[in-house]
Every structure is written in C-alpha cells, then in structure tokens.
Amino acid sequence: IDVEYFAQAAAATGTPTETLEAEDLADLLRSVVTRHGSSVEDLICNADGTLVPWVLVDVNGTLVRDPARRFAEGDRVRFISPISGG
C-alpha cells in the first residue's frame, strides 16, 4: 500500500510517503503504530491501533473510517491530520 502523510502526520512519521503491507485499515493502523511508535499515537491512531476521530483517511479518493476496509494492490492511502497555525 502506498501511504502518504500530510501536515502533522508527516511530521510525526518523519516522512511524507512510505510503502507498507496491510490487508485492511485496521492492519495498516497497527503497522503505522509499530513502525513509528509513540510519535503517531494520539495524532493518527491510539496505542491499540484505532483511528482517532480528527484524522481523515482517503483511500483512492474516497474517505473511509471502517477498520475492516480491505485494500487491493496499488491502493493509495492518505492520512490527513488537522493543520494548526495562526
């Protein structure tokens, strides 16, 4: 799965893009926590791998929240976190 991170999510992971293997959204979130640890907890997902409510997940142009949403080879997932500033 090609994964893109925007705004604070990119800062937390230390990269704007990466490729990960995952069968579904829940699996992808667990992979993100395993790979990036506490830097993504509470920003993208909780320690248990559940998505936080303020992050948008775009899969091939469609917003998803269902942890059972399955992926196909070549899917592109974007994590869009809130942007702060003033």
N, C-alpha and C. Protein backbone atom coordinates (compact mmCIF):
# COMPACT_ATOMS: atom_id res chain seq x y z
N ILE A 1 0.85 -1.17 0.00
CA ILE A 1 0.00 0.00 0.00
C ILE A 1 0.90 1.23 0.00
N ASP A 2 0.66 2.16 -0.88
CA ASP A 2 1.37 3.44 -0.87
C ASP A 2 0.66 4.35 0.12
N VAL A 3 1.41 4.84 1.09
CA VAL A 3 0.84 5.66 2.16
C VAL A 3 1.43 7.06 2.08
N GLU A 4 0.57 8.06 2.17
CA GLU A 4 1.00 9.45 2.20
C GLU A 4 0.52 10.07 3.50
N TYR A 5 1.37 10.91 4.09
CA TYR A 5 1.03 11.61 5.32
C TYR A 5 1.08 13.11 5.04
N PHE A 6 0.11 13.83 5.57
CA PHE A 6 0.06 15.27 5.38
C PHE A 6 0.11 15.98 6.72
N ALA A 7 0.59 17.22 6.70
CA ALA A 7 0.61 18.12 7.86
C ALA A 7 1.31 17.46 9.05
N GLN A 8 0.65 17.46 10.21
CA GLN A 8 1.26 16.93 11.43
C GLN A 8 1.57 15.44 11.32
N ALA A 9 0.80 14.71 10.53
CA ALA A 9 1.05 13.28 10.35
C ALA A 9 2.41 13.05 9.69
N ALA A 10 2.77 13.88 8.72
CA ALA A 10 4.07 13.77 8.07
C ALA A 10 5.20 14.09 9.05
N ALA A 11 4.97 15.10 9.89
CA ALA A 11 5.98 15.45 10.89
C ALA A 11 6.14 14.32 11.91
N ALA A 12 5.04 13.71 12.32
CA ALA A 12 5.09 12.65 13.32
C ALA A 12 5.79 11.40 12.82
N THR A 13 5.58 11.07 11.55
CA THR A 13 6.21 9.87 10.99
C THR A 13 7.61 10.14 10.49
N GLY A 14 7.92 11.40 10.24
CA GLY A 14 9.23 11.74 9.72
C GLY A 14 9.37 11.53 8.24
N THR A 15 8.25 11.28 7.56
CA THR A 15 8.28 11.06 6.12
C THR A 15 6.93 11.42 5.51
N PRO A 16 6.91 11.96 4.31
CA PRO A 16 5.62 12.24 3.68
C PRO A 16 5.02 11.01 2.98
N THR A 17 5.86 10.02 2.67
CA THR A 17 5.37 8.82 1.99
C THR A 17 6.15 7.59 2.43
N GLU A 18 5.49 6.45 2.32
CA GLU A 18 6.15 5.17 2.53
C GLU A 18 5.25 4.07 1.97
N THR A 19 5.81 2.90 1.82
CA THR A 19 5.05 1.75 1.34
C THR A 19 4.98 0.72 2.47
N LEU A 20 3.76 0.28 2.77
CA LEU A 20 3.54 -0.69 3.83
C LEU A 20 2.65 -1.81 3.31
N GLU A 21 2.73 -2.97 3.95
CA GLU A 21 1.84 -4.07 3.60
C GLU A 21 0.71 -4.11 4.62
N ALA A 22 -0.52 -4.23 4.14
CA ALA A 22 -1.68 -4.31 5.02
C ALA A 22 -2.85 -4.89 4.25
N GLU A 23 -3.65 -5.70 4.95
CA GLU A 23 -4.84 -6.27 4.33
C GLU A 23 -6.03 -5.33 4.43
N ASP A 24 -6.11 -4.58 5.54
CA ASP A 24 -7.24 -3.69 5.75
C ASP A 24 -6.78 -2.48 6.56
N LEU A 25 -7.70 -1.55 6.81
CA LEU A 25 -7.33 -0.33 7.52
C LEU A 25 -6.83 -0.62 8.93
N ALA A 26 -7.46 -1.53 9.64
CA ALA A 26 -7.01 -1.88 10.99
C ALA A 26 -5.58 -2.40 10.97
N ASP A 27 -5.27 -3.23 10.01
CA ASP A 27 -3.92 -3.78 9.85
C ASP A 27 -2.93 -2.67 9.53
N LEU A 28 -3.32 -1.74 8.68
CA LEU A 28 -2.46 -0.62 8.33
C LEU A 28 -2.18 0.26 9.55
N LEU A 29 -3.21 0.54 10.34
CA LEU A 29 -3.01 1.36 11.54
C LEU A 29 -2.07 0.68 12.52
N ARG A 30 -2.19 -0.63 12.70
CA ARG A 30 -1.26 -1.36 13.56
C ARG A 30 0.17 -1.25 13.03
N SER A 31 0.33 -1.34 11.72
CA SER A 31 1.65 -1.22 11.10
C SER A 31 2.25 0.16 11.33
N VAL A 32 1.41 1.19 11.22
CA VAL A 32 1.88 2.56 11.44
C VAL A 32 2.36 2.73 12.88
N VAL A 33 1.58 2.20 13.85
CA VAL A 33 1.98 2.31 15.26
C VAL A 33 3.27 1.52 15.51
N THR A 34 3.36 0.32 14.95
CA THR A 34 4.56 -0.50 15.14
C THR A 34 5.78 0.19 14.56
N ARG A 35 5.63 0.78 13.40
CA ARG A 35 6.76 1.40 12.71
C ARG A 35 7.16 2.74 13.33
N HIS A 36 6.19 3.54 13.76
CA HIS A 36 6.50 4.90 14.20
C HIS A 36 6.28 5.13 15.69
N GLY A 37 5.72 4.17 16.38
CA GLY A 37 5.59 4.23 17.84
C GLY A 37 4.83 5.41 18.37
N SER A 38 5.32 5.93 19.47
CA SER A 38 4.60 6.96 20.21
C SER A 38 4.45 8.27 19.44
N SER A 39 5.25 8.47 18.40
CA SER A 39 5.14 9.72 17.65
C SER A 39 3.80 9.85 16.94
N VAL A 40 3.16 8.72 16.62
CA VAL A 40 1.87 8.79 15.92
C VAL A 40 0.68 8.56 16.84
N GLU A 41 0.93 8.04 18.03
CA GLU A 41 -0.16 7.79 18.96
C GLU A 41 -0.84 9.11 19.31
N ASP A 42 -2.13 9.09 19.35
CA ASP A 42 -2.99 10.24 19.64
C ASP A 42 -3.01 11.26 18.50
N LEU A 43 -2.17 11.13 17.50
CA LEU A 43 -2.21 12.03 16.36
C LEU A 43 -2.91 11.35 15.19
N ILE A 44 -2.53 10.11 14.90
CA ILE A 44 -3.15 9.35 13.82
C ILE A 44 -4.04 8.24 14.41
N CYS A 45 -3.48 7.52 15.35
CA CYS A 45 -4.23 6.43 15.95
C CYS A 45 -3.80 6.22 17.39
N ASN A 46 -4.65 5.53 18.12
CA ASN A 46 -4.36 5.23 19.51
C ASN A 46 -3.39 4.06 19.62
N ALA A 47 -2.86 3.80 20.80
CA ALA A 47 -1.91 2.72 21.02
C ALA A 47 -2.48 1.37 20.61
N ASP A 48 -3.80 1.21 20.69
CA ASP A 48 -4.43 -0.05 20.31
C ASP A 48 -4.68 -0.15 18.80
N GLY A 49 -4.29 0.88 18.06
CA GLY A 49 -4.41 0.85 16.61
C GLY A 49 -5.73 1.35 16.07
N THR A 50 -6.55 1.99 16.89
CA THR A 50 -7.80 2.55 16.39
C THR A 50 -7.58 3.98 15.92
N LEU A 51 -8.25 4.33 14.87
CA LEU A 51 -8.12 5.66 14.27
C LEU A 51 -8.71 6.72 15.19
N VAL A 52 -8.00 7.83 15.35
CA VAL A 52 -8.55 8.94 16.13
C VAL A 52 -9.59 9.67 15.27
N PRO A 53 -10.59 10.30 15.91
CA PRO A 53 -11.69 10.88 15.14
C PRO A 53 -11.35 12.08 14.28
N TRP A 54 -10.27 12.78 14.56
CA TRP A 54 -9.97 14.01 13.82
C TRP A 54 -9.06 13.80 12.62
N VAL A 55 -8.66 12.58 12.34
CA VAL A 55 -7.82 12.30 11.17
C VAL A 55 -8.71 11.76 10.04
N LEU A 56 -8.50 12.30 8.85
CA LEU A 56 -9.19 11.80 7.67
C LEU A 56 -8.32 10.76 6.98
N VAL A 57 -8.95 9.70 6.52
CA VAL A 57 -8.24 8.67 5.77
C VAL A 57 -8.88 8.59 4.39
N ASP A 58 -8.08 8.90 3.39
CA ASP A 58 -8.52 8.89 2.00
C ASP A 58 -7.91 7.66 1.33
N VAL A 59 -8.76 6.81 0.76
CA VAL A 59 -8.29 5.65 0.01
C VAL A 59 -8.73 5.83 -1.43
N ASN A 60 -7.79 6.09 -2.29
CA ASN A 60 -8.07 6.27 -3.72
C ASN A 60 -9.16 7.30 -3.98
N GLY A 61 -9.17 8.38 -3.18
CA GLY A 61 -10.11 9.45 -3.40
C GLY A 61 -11.42 9.35 -2.63
N THR A 62 -11.57 8.31 -1.81
CA THR A 62 -12.77 8.13 -1.01
C THR A 62 -12.41 8.13 0.46
N LEU A 63 -13.12 8.93 1.26
CA LEU A 63 -12.87 8.95 2.70
C LEU A 63 -13.42 7.69 3.33
N VAL A 64 -12.61 7.05 4.19
CA VAL A 64 -13.03 5.82 4.86
C VAL A 64 -12.73 5.91 6.35
N ARG A 65 -13.50 5.18 7.15
CA ARG A 65 -13.27 5.07 8.59
C ARG A 65 -13.40 3.62 9.03
N ASP A 66 -13.96 2.78 8.20
CA ASP A 66 -14.22 1.39 8.56
C ASP A 66 -12.90 0.63 8.69
N PRO A 67 -12.59 0.12 9.89
CA PRO A 67 -11.32 -0.59 10.07
C PRO A 67 -11.25 -1.87 9.25
N ALA A 68 -12.40 -2.38 8.82
CA ALA A 68 -12.42 -3.61 8.01
C ALA A 68 -12.28 -3.32 6.52
N ARG A 69 -12.12 -2.05 6.14
CA ARG A 69 -11.97 -1.69 4.71
C ARG A 69 -10.73 -2.37 4.15
N ARG A 70 -10.94 -3.30 3.23
CA ARG A 70 -9.84 -4.09 2.65
C ARG A 70 -9.14 -3.30 1.55
N PHE A 71 -7.87 -3.60 1.38
CA PHE A 71 -7.06 -2.96 0.36
C PHE A 71 -6.75 -3.91 -0.77
N ALA A 72 -6.51 -3.34 -1.92
CA ALA A 72 -6.05 -4.09 -3.09
C ALA A 72 -4.66 -3.59 -3.44
N GLU A 73 -3.92 -4.40 -4.14
CA GLU A 73 -2.59 -3.99 -4.57
C GLU A 73 -2.68 -2.69 -5.37
N GLY A 74 -1.81 -1.75 -5.05
CA GLY A 74 -1.79 -0.49 -5.75
C GLY A 74 -2.64 0.60 -5.13
N ASP A 75 -3.37 0.27 -4.06
CA ASP A 75 -4.16 1.30 -3.39
C ASP A 75 -3.26 2.39 -2.83
N ARG A 76 -3.79 3.61 -2.78
CA ARG A 76 -3.07 4.74 -2.18
C ARG A 76 -3.89 5.26 -1.02
N VAL A 77 -3.27 5.31 0.14
CA VAL A 77 -3.93 5.76 1.37
C VAL A 77 -3.27 7.05 1.81
N ARG A 78 -4.11 8.02 2.13
CA ARG A 78 -3.61 9.31 2.62
C ARG A 78 -4.16 9.58 4.01
N PHE A 79 -3.25 9.87 4.94
CA PHE A 79 -3.65 10.28 6.30
C PHE A 79 -3.56 11.79 6.35
N ILE A 80 -4.68 12.42 6.60
CA ILE A 80 -4.73 13.88 6.61
C ILE A 80 -5.09 14.32 8.03
N SER A 81 -4.12 14.91 8.71
CA SER A 81 -4.35 15.34 10.09
C SER A 81 -4.66 16.83 10.10
N PRO A 82 -5.21 17.30 11.21
CA PRO A 82 -5.56 18.72 11.31
C PRO A 82 -4.31 19.61 11.14
N ILE A 83 -4.54 20.76 10.57
CA ILE A 83 -3.46 21.73 10.41
C ILE A 83 -3.71 22.85 11.41
N SER A 84 -2.69 23.16 12.17
CA SER A 84 -2.87 24.26 13.14
C SER A 84 -1.92 25.38 12.78
N GLY A 85 -2.22 26.51 13.26
CA GLY A 85 -1.38 27.68 12.99
C GLY A 85 -2.20 28.93 13.17
N GLY A 86 -1.58 30.04 12.91
CA GLY A 86 -2.37 31.24 13.11
C GLY A 86 -1.77 32.45 12.55
